[in-house]
Amino acid sequence: MTEIIGELVDPHGILKYMTGVADVDAEVDLYDIDTVEWVAAGDNAIAINVDSERCLIKYEVWNGPPPPIDSWDRSWSGSVRFASGKVVAISSYSGDSSYGAEFDLGRPGGVWGVRVHRKSLAHEDFTPELISFALLKIQFWPAAP
C-alpha cells in the first residue's frame, strides 16, 4: 500500500495568477510549455493555468502512486523530471514574478509521476472574500524506470 512520505501546505499562498511549478535550480520559462488543457508538463516544470486571483497549494510526495481522488473539480496526471528535486510555485502578474515556498521531493535528478487536483471556490458557496480562490493539491511519486 502506498503512503505519503512528505507534505507541505505552502504558507505563502499565491497571489495574482499562478503560472506553474518549476525546479528551483533550472532556468525554465513556463510560458514555453503549451497548456492545451489547464496543465502540462515540460522538462523541470509543470505549467498550470490557474486564472484565480489567489491560490493555495498543498504538495505531497508518496512512495508510490497515491489513491485517486474524485472529490476535486479537475484532475490531471502525467510525469516530469526535476534536476534538483526541489520545486517552487511561480506566479506572474504585470511583469513581476513571485515565488512560493520550496518543497523538497527527497531526491535529485529523478522522473516523477505527478497528479494535480484543483478545486475552485465559488461565491454561491462561500463568503465574498473567497471568490476567485483556487485550491491545488500536487502529488508526486517516483516514476517507474
N, C-alpha and C. Protein backbone atom coordinates (compact mmCIF):
# COMPACT_ATOMS: atom_id res chain seq x y z
N MET A 1 0.84 -1.18 0.00
CA MET A 1 0.00 0.00 0.00
C MET A 1 0.89 1.25 0.00
N THR A 2 0.54 2.22 -0.82
CA THR A 2 1.35 3.43 -0.89
C THR A 2 1.05 4.34 0.30
N GLU A 3 2.07 5.11 0.66
CA GLU A 3 1.96 6.02 1.80
C GLU A 3 2.53 7.38 1.44
N ILE A 4 1.99 8.39 2.08
CA ILE A 4 2.54 9.73 1.93
C ILE A 4 3.80 9.81 2.80
N ILE A 5 4.89 10.34 2.23
CA ILE A 5 6.15 10.42 2.98
C ILE A 5 6.61 11.85 3.22
N GLY A 6 5.92 12.81 2.65
CA GLY A 6 6.23 14.22 2.88
C GLY A 6 5.12 15.10 2.36
N GLU A 7 4.91 16.23 3.03
CA GLU A 7 3.87 17.15 2.58
C GLU A 7 4.18 18.56 3.06
N LEU A 8 3.59 19.52 2.37
CA LEU A 8 3.75 20.92 2.72
C LEU A 8 2.56 21.70 2.19
N VAL A 9 1.90 22.44 3.06
CA VAL A 9 0.94 23.44 2.62
C VAL A 9 1.73 24.73 2.53
N ASP A 10 1.83 25.28 1.32
CA ASP A 10 2.62 26.49 1.11
C ASP A 10 2.03 27.63 1.92
N PRO A 11 2.74 28.11 2.94
CA PRO A 11 2.19 29.16 3.80
C PRO A 11 2.10 30.52 3.12
N HIS A 12 2.80 30.68 2.00
CA HIS A 12 2.80 31.96 1.29
C HIS A 12 1.51 32.19 0.52
N GLY A 13 0.93 31.12 0.00
CA GLY A 13 -0.18 31.30 -0.93
C GLY A 13 0.34 31.96 -2.18
N ILE A 14 -0.43 31.92 -3.22
CA ILE A 14 -0.04 32.53 -4.49
C ILE A 14 -1.06 33.61 -4.81
N LEU A 15 -0.57 34.81 -5.02
CA LEU A 15 -1.44 35.92 -5.39
C LEU A 15 -1.26 36.24 -6.86
N LYS A 16 -2.33 36.56 -7.51
CA LYS A 16 -2.33 37.04 -8.89
C LYS A 16 -1.70 36.08 -9.89
N TYR A 17 -2.44 35.07 -10.22
CA TYR A 17 -2.22 34.28 -11.41
C TYR A 17 -0.98 33.38 -11.40
N MET A 18 -1.19 32.22 -10.84
CA MET A 18 -0.15 31.20 -10.81
C MET A 18 0.14 30.73 -12.24
N THR A 19 1.43 30.55 -12.54
CA THR A 19 1.81 30.06 -13.86
C THR A 19 2.33 28.63 -13.82
N GLY A 20 2.74 28.15 -12.64
CA GLY A 20 3.17 26.76 -12.56
C GLY A 20 4.13 26.49 -11.43
N VAL A 21 4.73 25.30 -11.50
CA VAL A 21 5.70 24.82 -10.52
C VAL A 21 6.95 24.44 -11.29
N ALA A 22 8.11 24.90 -10.80
CA ALA A 22 9.36 24.65 -11.52
C ALA A 22 10.46 24.22 -10.56
N ASP A 23 11.47 23.55 -11.12
CA ASP A 23 12.66 23.18 -10.36
C ASP A 23 13.36 24.45 -9.90
N VAL A 24 13.80 24.49 -8.65
CA VAL A 24 14.40 25.72 -8.12
C VAL A 24 15.73 26.06 -8.77
N ASP A 25 16.44 25.07 -9.33
CA ASP A 25 17.76 25.32 -9.91
C ASP A 25 17.75 25.42 -11.44
N ALA A 26 16.62 25.22 -12.08
CA ALA A 26 16.57 25.19 -13.55
C ALA A 26 16.08 26.52 -14.10
N GLU A 27 16.61 26.88 -15.24
CA GLU A 27 16.13 28.05 -15.98
C GLU A 27 14.95 27.58 -16.82
N VAL A 28 13.74 27.97 -16.43
CA VAL A 28 12.54 27.50 -17.11
C VAL A 28 11.64 28.68 -17.42
N ASP A 29 11.10 28.70 -18.63
CA ASP A 29 10.07 29.66 -18.99
C ASP A 29 8.76 28.89 -19.08
N LEU A 30 7.92 29.05 -18.07
CA LEU A 30 6.67 28.30 -18.03
C LEU A 30 5.76 28.61 -19.21
N TYR A 31 5.92 29.79 -19.81
CA TYR A 31 5.09 30.15 -20.96
C TYR A 31 5.48 29.38 -22.22
N ASP A 32 6.65 28.71 -22.21
CA ASP A 32 7.05 27.89 -23.35
C ASP A 32 6.36 26.53 -23.36
N ILE A 33 5.72 26.17 -22.25
CA ILE A 33 5.01 24.89 -22.16
C ILE A 33 3.57 25.13 -22.59
N ASP A 34 3.15 24.41 -23.61
CA ASP A 34 1.81 24.59 -24.18
C ASP A 34 0.77 23.88 -23.32
N THR A 35 -0.07 24.65 -22.65
CA THR A 35 -1.12 24.07 -21.81
C THR A 35 -2.40 23.95 -22.64
N VAL A 36 -2.48 22.89 -23.44
CA VAL A 36 -3.68 22.63 -24.23
C VAL A 36 -4.85 22.47 -23.27
N GLU A 37 -4.63 21.72 -22.22
CA GLU A 37 -5.62 21.64 -21.16
C GLU A 37 -5.25 22.74 -20.16
N TRP A 38 -5.54 22.54 -18.92
CA TRP A 38 -5.19 23.54 -17.90
C TRP A 38 -3.84 23.26 -17.26
N VAL A 39 -3.25 22.08 -17.54
CA VAL A 39 -1.95 21.69 -17.01
C VAL A 39 -1.16 20.97 -18.09
N ALA A 40 0.15 21.18 -18.10
CA ALA A 40 1.04 20.42 -18.99
C ALA A 40 2.42 20.38 -18.35
N ALA A 41 3.13 19.28 -18.56
CA ALA A 41 4.47 19.13 -18.01
C ALA A 41 5.51 19.33 -19.09
N GLY A 42 6.61 19.94 -18.70
CA GLY A 42 7.78 20.09 -19.55
C GLY A 42 8.98 19.65 -18.74
N ASP A 43 10.18 19.80 -19.28
CA ASP A 43 11.36 19.43 -18.54
C ASP A 43 11.58 20.42 -17.39
N ASN A 44 11.63 19.93 -16.19
CA ASN A 44 11.86 20.72 -14.97
C ASN A 44 10.72 21.66 -14.61
N ALA A 45 9.52 21.43 -15.14
CA ALA A 45 8.41 22.34 -14.82
C ALA A 45 7.05 21.73 -15.14
N ILE A 46 6.05 22.25 -14.46
CA ILE A 46 4.65 21.94 -14.74
C ILE A 46 3.94 23.28 -14.89
N ALA A 47 3.45 23.57 -16.09
CA ALA A 47 2.68 24.79 -16.32
C ALA A 47 1.25 24.52 -15.86
N ILE A 48 0.73 25.43 -15.04
CA ILE A 48 -0.62 25.27 -14.52
C ILE A 48 -1.36 26.58 -14.77
N ASN A 49 -2.42 26.50 -15.55
CA ASN A 49 -3.20 27.68 -15.88
C ASN A 49 -4.31 27.86 -14.84
N VAL A 50 -4.03 28.67 -13.85
CA VAL A 50 -5.00 28.97 -12.79
C VAL A 50 -5.34 30.45 -12.92
N ASP A 51 -6.57 30.74 -13.33
CA ASP A 51 -6.95 32.13 -13.55
C ASP A 51 -7.52 32.80 -12.30
N SER A 52 -7.42 32.15 -11.17
CA SER A 52 -7.89 32.73 -9.91
C SER A 52 -6.90 33.76 -9.40
N GLU A 53 -7.41 34.73 -8.67
CA GLU A 53 -6.53 35.76 -8.12
C GLU A 53 -5.72 35.26 -6.93
N ARG A 54 -6.22 34.24 -6.25
CA ARG A 54 -5.49 33.66 -5.12
C ARG A 54 -5.52 32.14 -5.23
N CYS A 55 -4.44 31.53 -4.78
CA CYS A 55 -4.31 30.09 -4.89
C CYS A 55 -3.55 29.56 -3.67
N LEU A 56 -4.02 28.47 -3.12
CA LEU A 56 -3.34 27.80 -2.02
C LEU A 56 -2.94 26.42 -2.51
N ILE A 57 -1.67 26.03 -2.24
CA ILE A 57 -1.13 24.78 -2.76
C ILE A 57 -0.72 23.87 -1.62
N LYS A 58 -1.08 22.60 -1.77
CA LYS A 58 -0.55 21.55 -0.89
C LYS A 58 0.25 20.59 -1.76
N TYR A 59 1.52 20.40 -1.39
CA TYR A 59 2.38 19.43 -2.05
C TYR A 59 2.38 18.15 -1.23
N GLU A 60 2.42 17.02 -1.93
CA GLU A 60 2.57 15.72 -1.28
C GLU A 60 3.57 14.90 -2.08
N VAL A 61 4.41 14.15 -1.38
CA VAL A 61 5.27 13.16 -2.04
C VAL A 61 4.92 11.81 -1.43
N TRP A 62 4.74 10.83 -2.31
CA TRP A 62 4.31 9.49 -1.94
C TRP A 62 5.39 8.49 -2.32
N ASN A 63 5.36 7.30 -1.73
CA ASN A 63 6.32 6.26 -2.09
C ASN A 63 5.86 5.43 -3.29
N GLY A 64 4.67 5.70 -3.79
CA GLY A 64 4.10 5.06 -4.98
C GLY A 64 2.89 5.86 -5.40
N PRO A 65 2.19 5.45 -6.46
CA PRO A 65 1.03 6.21 -6.92
C PRO A 65 -0.03 6.33 -5.81
N PRO A 66 -0.46 7.54 -5.50
CA PRO A 66 -1.48 7.73 -4.47
C PRO A 66 -2.85 7.26 -4.98
N PRO A 67 -3.75 6.96 -4.06
CA PRO A 67 -5.09 6.57 -4.50
C PRO A 67 -5.78 7.74 -5.20
N PRO A 68 -6.67 7.46 -6.14
CA PRO A 68 -7.37 8.54 -6.85
C PRO A 68 -8.26 9.34 -5.91
N ILE A 69 -8.47 10.59 -6.26
CA ILE A 69 -9.36 11.47 -5.51
C ILE A 69 -10.45 11.94 -6.48
N ASP A 70 -11.70 11.70 -6.13
CA ASP A 70 -12.80 12.07 -7.01
C ASP A 70 -13.53 13.34 -6.59
N SER A 71 -13.19 13.88 -5.42
CA SER A 71 -13.97 14.98 -4.88
C SER A 71 -13.50 16.37 -5.34
N TRP A 72 -12.48 16.44 -6.18
CA TRP A 72 -11.98 17.72 -6.65
C TRP A 72 -12.60 18.03 -8.02
N ASP A 73 -12.65 19.32 -8.39
CA ASP A 73 -13.27 19.73 -9.65
C ASP A 73 -12.56 19.18 -10.88
N ARG A 74 -11.24 19.23 -10.87
CA ARG A 74 -10.45 18.79 -12.02
C ARG A 74 -9.22 18.05 -11.53
N SER A 75 -8.75 17.11 -12.34
CA SER A 75 -7.51 16.39 -12.05
C SER A 75 -6.75 16.16 -13.34
N TRP A 76 -5.44 16.10 -13.22
CA TRP A 76 -4.57 15.84 -14.36
C TRP A 76 -3.43 14.96 -13.87
N SER A 77 -2.99 14.00 -14.69
CA SER A 77 -1.87 13.13 -14.35
C SER A 77 -0.85 13.14 -15.47
N GLY A 78 0.41 13.00 -15.10
CA GLY A 78 1.48 12.94 -16.08
C GLY A 78 2.78 12.59 -15.40
N SER A 79 3.89 12.96 -16.03
CA SER A 79 5.21 12.74 -15.43
C SER A 79 6.09 13.94 -15.77
N VAL A 80 7.11 14.13 -14.92
CA VAL A 80 8.01 15.27 -15.08
C VAL A 80 9.36 14.92 -14.47
N ARG A 81 10.43 15.48 -15.05
CA ARG A 81 11.77 15.31 -14.50
C ARG A 81 12.17 16.61 -13.81
N PHE A 82 12.72 16.49 -12.62
CA PHE A 82 13.24 17.65 -11.90
C PHE A 82 14.72 17.42 -11.60
N ALA A 83 15.59 18.30 -12.08
CA ALA A 83 17.03 18.14 -11.92
C ALA A 83 17.44 18.17 -10.45
N SER A 84 16.98 19.14 -9.68
CA SER A 84 17.42 19.26 -8.29
C SER A 84 16.53 18.49 -7.32
N GLY A 85 15.32 18.17 -7.74
CA GLY A 85 14.38 17.52 -6.83
C GLY A 85 13.73 18.47 -5.85
N LYS A 86 13.89 19.76 -6.08
CA LYS A 86 13.26 20.79 -5.24
C LYS A 86 12.43 21.68 -6.15
N VAL A 87 11.18 21.95 -5.75
CA VAL A 87 10.28 22.71 -6.61
C VAL A 87 9.73 23.92 -5.88
N VAL A 88 9.24 24.88 -6.68
CA VAL A 88 8.64 26.10 -6.14
C VAL A 88 7.54 26.55 -7.09
N ALA A 89 6.46 27.08 -6.53
CA ALA A 89 5.38 27.64 -7.34
C ALA A 89 5.76 29.05 -7.77
N ILE A 90 5.36 29.41 -8.99
CA ILE A 90 5.67 30.72 -9.55
C ILE A 90 4.39 31.36 -10.04
N SER A 91 4.24 32.64 -9.75
CA SER A 91 3.13 33.39 -10.32
C SER A 91 3.68 34.63 -11.00
N SER A 92 2.98 35.07 -12.02
CA SER A 92 3.39 36.26 -12.77
C SER A 92 2.20 37.18 -12.95
N TYR A 93 2.44 38.47 -12.72
CA TYR A 93 1.40 39.46 -12.88
C TYR A 93 2.04 40.80 -13.21
N SER A 94 1.64 41.41 -14.29
CA SER A 94 2.15 42.72 -14.72
C SER A 94 3.67 42.76 -14.80
N GLY A 95 4.26 41.67 -15.31
CA GLY A 95 5.70 41.65 -15.49
C GLY A 95 6.50 41.27 -14.26
N ASP A 96 5.87 41.11 -13.11
CA ASP A 96 6.56 40.72 -11.89
C ASP A 96 6.30 39.25 -11.59
N SER A 97 7.30 38.58 -11.06
CA SER A 97 7.14 37.18 -10.66
C SER A 97 7.28 37.08 -9.15
N SER A 98 6.51 36.18 -8.57
CA SER A 98 6.65 35.88 -7.14
C SER A 98 6.73 34.38 -6.97
N TYR A 99 7.28 33.96 -5.84
CA TYR A 99 7.58 32.56 -5.60
C TYR A 99 6.99 32.10 -4.29
N GLY A 100 6.54 30.85 -4.28
CA GLY A 100 6.03 30.25 -3.07
C GLY A 100 7.15 29.60 -2.27
N ALA A 101 6.77 28.74 -1.35
CA ALA A 101 7.74 28.02 -0.52
C ALA A 101 8.37 26.89 -1.33
N GLU A 102 9.62 26.59 -1.03
CA GLU A 102 10.33 25.50 -1.68
C GLU A 102 9.88 24.17 -1.07
N PHE A 103 9.65 23.17 -1.95
CA PHE A 103 9.29 21.84 -1.49
C PHE A 103 10.32 20.84 -2.00
N ASP A 104 10.91 20.07 -1.10
CA ASP A 104 11.95 19.10 -1.43
C ASP A 104 11.31 17.73 -1.63
N LEU A 105 11.45 17.19 -2.84
CA LEU A 105 10.90 15.88 -3.15
C LEU A 105 11.73 14.73 -2.57
N GLY A 106 12.92 15.01 -2.12
CA GLY A 106 13.71 14.00 -1.43
C GLY A 106 14.83 13.36 -2.22
N ARG A 107 14.86 13.60 -3.53
CA ARG A 107 15.97 13.08 -4.33
C ARG A 107 16.10 13.89 -5.61
N PRO A 108 17.35 14.20 -5.99
CA PRO A 108 17.58 14.96 -7.22
C PRO A 108 17.58 14.06 -8.46
N GLY A 109 17.40 14.71 -9.61
CA GLY A 109 17.60 14.06 -10.90
C GLY A 109 16.66 12.92 -11.21
N GLY A 110 15.46 12.97 -10.74
CA GLY A 110 14.56 11.86 -10.99
C GLY A 110 13.35 12.24 -11.82
N VAL A 111 12.72 11.20 -12.37
CA VAL A 111 11.45 11.37 -13.05
C VAL A 111 10.35 11.04 -12.04
N TRP A 112 9.35 11.89 -12.00
CA TRP A 112 8.27 11.77 -11.03
C TRP A 112 6.93 11.61 -11.72
N GLY A 113 6.12 10.72 -11.21
CA GLY A 113 4.72 10.73 -11.56
C GLY A 113 4.11 11.91 -10.83
N VAL A 114 3.15 12.55 -11.45
CA VAL A 114 2.54 13.72 -10.81
C VAL A 114 1.05 13.73 -11.09
N ARG A 115 0.31 14.16 -10.11
CA ARG A 115 -1.13 14.35 -10.25
C ARG A 115 -1.46 15.72 -9.66
N VAL A 116 -2.17 16.53 -10.43
CA VAL A 116 -2.57 17.87 -9.97
C VAL A 116 -4.08 17.88 -9.85
N HIS A 117 -4.56 18.24 -8.67
CA HIS A 117 -6.00 18.36 -8.41
C HIS A 117 -6.32 19.83 -8.18
N ARG A 118 -7.48 20.25 -8.66
CA ARG A 118 -7.89 21.65 -8.50
C ARG A 118 -9.34 21.72 -8.02
N LYS A 119 -9.55 22.62 -7.08
CA LYS A 119 -10.90 22.91 -6.62
C LYS A 119 -11.04 24.42 -6.57
N SER A 120 -12.07 24.93 -7.24
CA SER A 120 -12.34 26.37 -7.23
C SER A 120 -13.48 26.65 -6.27
N LEU A 121 -13.28 27.64 -5.46
CA LEU A 121 -14.32 28.02 -4.51
C LEU A 121 -15.18 29.11 -5.15
N ALA A 122 -16.49 28.93 -5.12
CA ALA A 122 -17.39 29.83 -5.82
C ALA A 122 -18.17 30.70 -4.85
N HIS A 123 -18.64 31.83 -5.34
CA HIS A 123 -19.34 32.79 -4.47
C HIS A 123 -20.65 32.26 -3.92
N GLU A 124 -21.31 31.35 -4.63
CA GLU A 124 -22.58 30.85 -4.13
C GLU A 124 -22.41 29.91 -2.93
N ASP A 125 -21.19 29.44 -2.71
CA ASP A 125 -20.93 28.53 -1.61
C ASP A 125 -20.13 29.15 -0.46
N PHE A 126 -19.46 30.26 -0.72
CA PHE A 126 -18.54 30.81 0.26
C PHE A 126 -18.69 32.33 0.34
N THR A 127 -18.07 32.91 1.36
CA THR A 127 -18.14 34.35 1.57
C THR A 127 -17.43 35.10 0.45
N PRO A 128 -17.73 36.38 0.26
CA PRO A 128 -17.10 37.15 -0.83
C PRO A 128 -15.58 37.20 -0.77
N GLU A 129 -14.98 37.03 0.40
CA GLU A 129 -13.51 37.05 0.50
C GLU A 129 -12.87 35.86 -0.22
N LEU A 130 -13.64 34.84 -0.50
CA LEU A 130 -13.09 33.65 -1.14
C LEU A 130 -13.40 33.54 -2.62
N ILE A 131 -14.08 34.53 -3.17
CA ILE A 131 -14.35 34.49 -4.61
C ILE A 131 -13.03 34.51 -5.36
N SER A 132 -12.96 33.75 -6.42
CA SER A 132 -11.76 33.66 -7.24
C SER A 132 -10.59 33.08 -6.45
N PHE A 133 -10.87 32.06 -5.68
CA PHE A 133 -9.86 31.38 -4.87
C PHE A 133 -9.79 29.93 -5.31
N ALA A 134 -8.60 29.45 -5.58
CA ALA A 134 -8.42 28.06 -6.03
C ALA A 134 -7.54 27.30 -5.05
N LEU A 135 -7.86 26.03 -4.86
CA LEU A 135 -7.04 25.12 -4.07
C LEU A 135 -6.39 24.14 -5.03
N LEU A 136 -5.09 23.87 -4.84
CA LEU A 136 -4.38 22.88 -5.64
C LEU A 136 -3.74 21.86 -4.71
N LYS A 137 -3.85 20.60 -5.07
CA LYS A 137 -3.10 19.54 -4.41
C LYS A 137 -2.24 18.91 -5.49
N ILE A 138 -0.91 18.96 -5.27
CA ILE A 138 0.02 18.42 -6.25
C ILE A 138 0.74 17.23 -5.61
N GLN A 139 0.51 16.06 -6.17
CA GLN A 139 1.05 14.81 -5.62
C GLN A 139 2.15 14.28 -6.53
N PHE A 140 3.28 13.90 -5.93
CA PHE A 140 4.42 13.35 -6.65
C PHE A 140 4.73 11.94 -6.12
N TRP A 141 5.26 11.08 -6.99
CA TRP A 141 5.76 9.78 -6.57
C TRP A 141 6.82 9.35 -7.57
N PRO A 142 7.79 8.52 -7.16
CA PRO A 142 8.83 8.09 -8.09
C PRO A 142 8.21 7.33 -9.27
N ALA A 143 8.56 7.74 -10.47
CA ALA A 143 8.06 7.07 -11.67
C ALA A 143 8.81 5.79 -11.90
N ALA A 144 8.14 4.82 -12.50
CA ALA A 144 8.79 3.54 -12.82
C ALA A 144 9.87 3.79 -13.87
N PRO A 145 11.02 3.10 -13.75
CA PRO A 145 12.10 3.31 -14.73
C PRO A 145 11.73 2.87 -16.12
